[in-house]
C-alpha atoms as a PDB file:
ATOM      1  CA  MET A   1       4.249 -24.968 -64.661  1.00  0.00           C
ATOM      2  CA  HIS A   2       3.373 -24.684 -60.973  1.00  0.00           C
ATOM      3  CA  ILE A   3       6.009 -23.343 -58.567  1.00  0.00           C
ATOM      4  CA  SER A   4       5.366 -23.864 -54.898  1.00  0.00           C
ATOM      5  CA  LEU A   5       6.434 -21.117 -52.490  1.00  0.00           C
ATOM      6  CA  LEU A   6       7.510 -23.790 -50.073  1.00  0.00           C
ATOM      7  CA  SER A   7       9.774 -25.569 -52.555  1.00  0.00           C
ATOM      8  CA  ASN A   8      12.677 -23.600 -51.065  1.00  0.00           C
ATOM      9  CA  PRO A   9      11.650 -22.644 -47.505  1.00  0.00           C
ATOM     10  CA  ARG A  10      14.932 -20.863 -46.769  1.00  0.00           C
ATOM     11  CA  GLN A  11      14.556 -18.520 -49.755  1.00  0.00           C
ATOM     12  CA  PHE A  12      10.893 -17.934 -48.884  1.00  0.00           C
ATOM     13  CA  LEU A  13      11.771 -17.002 -45.285  1.00  0.00           C
ATOM     14  CA  ARG A  14      14.536 -14.626 -46.432  1.00  0.00           C
ATOM     15  CA  GLY A  15      12.117 -12.933 -48.803  1.00  0.00           C
ATOM     16  CA  LEU A  16       9.491 -12.701 -46.066  1.00  0.00           C
ATOM     17  CA  LEU A  17      12.032 -11.255 -43.628  1.00  0.00           C
ATOM     18  CA  PHE A  18      13.244  -8.718 -46.208  1.00  0.00           C
ATOM     19  CA  ALA A  19       9.677  -7.661 -47.028  1.00  0.00           C
ATOM     20  CA  SER A  20       8.895  -7.301 -43.309  1.00  0.00           C
ATOM     21  CA  LEU A  21      11.980  -5.160 -42.752  1.00  0.00           C
ATOM     22  CA  CYS A  22      11.102  -2.944 -45.730  1.00  0.00           C
ATOM     23  CA  LEU A  23       7.572  -2.500 -44.464  1.00  0.00           C
ATOM     24  CA  ALA A  24       8.722  -1.696 -40.929  1.00  0.00           C
ATOM     25  CA  ALA A  25      11.360   0.771 -42.168  1.00  0.00           C
ATOM     26  CA  SER A  26       8.974   2.579 -44.494  1.00  0.00           C
ATOM     27  CA  PHE A  27       6.388   2.803 -41.728  1.00  0.00           C
ATOM     28  CA  ALA A  28       8.960   4.172 -39.269  1.00  0.00           C
ATOM     29  CA  ILE A  29      10.160   6.763 -41.771  1.00  0.00           C
ATOM     30  CA  GLY A  30       6.605   7.706 -42.673  1.00  0.00           C
ATOM     31  CA  VAL A  31       5.552   8.154 -39.061  1.00  0.00           C
ATOM     32  CA  GLN A  32       8.638  10.212 -38.324  1.00  0.00           C
ATOM     33  CA  THR A  33       8.181  12.617 -41.246  1.00  0.00           C
ATOM     34  CA  ALA A  34       4.384  12.807 -41.185  1.00  0.00           C
ATOM     35  CA  GLY A  35       4.477  14.583 -37.841  1.00  0.00           C
ATOM     36  CA  GLU A  36       6.799  17.254 -39.216  1.00  0.00           C
ATOM     37  CA  VAL A  37       4.554  18.329 -42.092  1.00  0.00           C
ATOM     38  CA  GLN A  38       2.360  21.338 -41.372  1.00  0.00           C
ATOM     39  CA  PRO A  39       0.045  23.452 -43.498  1.00  0.00           C
ATOM     40  CA  ILE A  40       1.833  26.593 -44.593  1.00  0.00           C
ATOM     41  CA  ALA A  41      -0.618  28.836 -42.750  1.00  0.00           C
ATOM     42  CA  LEU A  42       0.342  27.231 -39.432  1.00  0.00           C
ATOM     43  CA  ILE A  43       4.107  27.609 -39.764  1.00  0.00           C
ATOM     44  CA  GLU A  44       5.320  30.102 -37.214  1.00  0.00           C
ATOM     45  CA  ALA A  45       8.123  32.455 -38.080  1.00  0.00           C
ATOM     46  CA  GLY A  46      10.504  33.481 -35.322  1.00  0.00           C
ATOM     47  CA  SER A  47       8.271  36.300 -34.094  1.00  0.00           C
ATOM     48  CA  PRO A  48       4.607  37.075 -34.581  1.00  0.00           C
ATOM     49  CA  ALA A  49       4.029  39.088 -37.733  1.00  0.00           C
ATOM     50  CA  ARG A  50       2.269  42.398 -37.509  1.00  0.00           C
ATOM     51  CA  THR A  51      -1.151  42.055 -39.091  1.00  0.00           C
ATOM     52  CA  GLY A  52      -1.021  43.708 -42.514  1.00  0.00           C
ATOM     53  CA  ASP A  53       2.752  44.185 -42.623  1.00  0.00           C
ATOM     54  CA  VAL A  54       3.395  41.718 -45.441  1.00  0.00           C
ATOM     55  CA  ASP A  55       6.708  43.279 -46.507  1.00  0.00           C
ATOM     56  CA  GLY A  56       8.053  43.037 -42.945  1.00  0.00           C
ATOM     57  CA  ASN A  57       9.366  46.593 -42.700  1.00  0.00           C
ATOM     58  CA  GLY A  58       7.518  47.302 -39.438  1.00  0.00           C
ATOM     59  CA  MET A  59       4.967  49.641 -41.014  1.00  0.00           C
ATOM     60  CA  ILE A  60       1.631  49.087 -42.716  1.00  0.00           C
ATOM     61  CA  ASP A  61       1.649  51.153 -45.882  1.00  0.00           C
ATOM     62  CA  ALA A  62       0.613  51.178 -49.536  1.00  0.00           C
ATOM     63  CA  GLN A  63       3.539  48.885 -50.414  1.00  0.00           C
ATOM     64  CA  ASP A  64       1.886  46.133 -48.336  1.00  0.00           C
ATOM     65  CA  ALA A  65      -1.322  46.554 -50.357  1.00  0.00           C
ATOM     66  CA  VAL A  66       0.656  46.335 -53.616  1.00  0.00           C
ATOM     67  CA  ILE A  67       2.365  43.118 -52.495  1.00  0.00           C
ATOM     68  CA  ILE A  68      -0.984  41.653 -51.448  1.00  0.00           C
ATOM     69  CA  LEU A  69      -2.456  42.434 -54.863  1.00  0.00           C
ATOM     70  CA  GLU A  70       0.552  40.829 -56.577  1.00  0.00           C
ATOM     71  CA  ILE A  71       0.043  37.682 -54.471  1.00  0.00           C
ATOM     72  CA  ALA A  72      -3.715  37.668 -55.090  1.00  0.00           C
ATOM     73  CA  GLN A  73      -3.177  37.949 -58.853  1.00  0.00           C
ATOM     74  CA  GLY A  74      -0.535  35.186 -58.892  1.00  0.00           C
ATOM     75  CA  TYR A  75       2.478  37.375 -59.676  1.00  0.00           C
ATOM     76  CA  ARG A  76       4.085  36.339 -56.375  1.00  0.00           C
ATOM     77  CA  ILE A  77       3.841  33.348 -54.074  1.00  0.00           C
ATOM     78  CA  ALA A  78       3.072  34.162 -50.447  1.00  0.00           C
ATOM     79  CA  THR A  79       5.761  33.275 -47.917  1.00  0.00           C
ATOM     80  CA  PRO A  80       4.853  31.830 -44.512  1.00  0.00           C
ATOM     81  CA  GLU A  81       5.615  35.207 -42.933  1.00  0.00           C
ATOM     82  CA  GLN A  82       3.257  36.953 -45.354  1.00  0.00           C
ATOM     83  CA  LEU A  83       0.496  34.480 -44.552  1.00  0.00           C
ATOM     84  CA  LEU A  84       0.987  35.194 -40.849  1.00  0.00           C
ATOM     85  CA  ALA A  85       0.588  38.917 -41.577  1.00  0.00           C
ATOM     86  CA  ASP A  86      -2.751  38.261 -43.341  1.00  0.00           C
ATOM     87  CA  PRO A  87      -4.844  41.361 -42.523  1.00  0.00           C
ATOM     88  CA  ASN A  88      -8.155  39.591 -41.913  1.00  0.00           C
ATOM     89  CA  GLY A  89      -6.598  36.435 -40.420  1.00  0.00           C
ATOM     90  CA  ASP A  90      -8.311  33.918 -42.707  1.00  0.00           C
ATOM     91  CA  GLY A  91      -5.014  32.358 -43.838  1.00  0.00           C
ATOM     92  CA  GLN A  92      -5.388  33.556 -47.424  1.00  0.00           C
ATOM     93  CA  ILE A  93      -4.020  36.616 -49.172  1.00  0.00           C
ATOM     94  CA  THR A  94      -6.822  38.157 -51.246  1.00  0.00           C
ATOM     95  CA  VAL A  95      -7.889  41.467 -52.784  1.00  0.00           C
ATOM     96  CA  ASP A  96     -10.063  42.010 -49.693  1.00  0.00           C
ATOM     97  CA  ASP A  97      -6.869  42.151 -47.623  1.00  0.00           C
ATOM     98  CA  ALA A  98      -5.428  44.898 -49.830  1.00  0.00           C
ATOM     99  CA  LEU A  99      -8.676  46.894 -49.552  1.00  0.00           C
ATOM    100  CA  ARG A 100      -8.622  46.467 -45.784  1.00  0.00           C
ATOM    101  CA  ILE A 101      -5.130  47.969 -45.637  1.00  0.00           C
ATOM    102  CA  LEU A 102      -5.961  50.829 -48.014  1.00  0.00           C
ATOM    103  CA  ARG A 103      -8.996  51.766 -45.873  1.00  0.00           C
ATOM    104  CA  THR A 104      -6.776  52.111 -42.787  1.00  0.00           C
ATOM    105  CA  LEU A 105      -4.148  54.343 -44.402  1.00  0.00           C
ATOM    106  CA  PRO A 106      -4.260  58.093 -43.613  1.00  0.00           C
END
């Protein structure tokens, strides 16, 4: 059985119009939201974080090193603010960051 697409031109045109509208709408939504997505390391919190102050208490202390180790070992997930406070500025929280903080403590 062969069905021609042009056997009912009105139905074909409605389907074509509907498909075109769906395509245009999905493209418009995709373009609108794609510009809003940013890598987590580039998200800026309200104020610049102090390098090494991952707990946000205004001081760099041993607690920051503990939090960094917990993040590095997977016990915590780093927040955008914690990534901004990354001690060596590479955008990743690693054991090296905790060592860097511990070396600077009195």
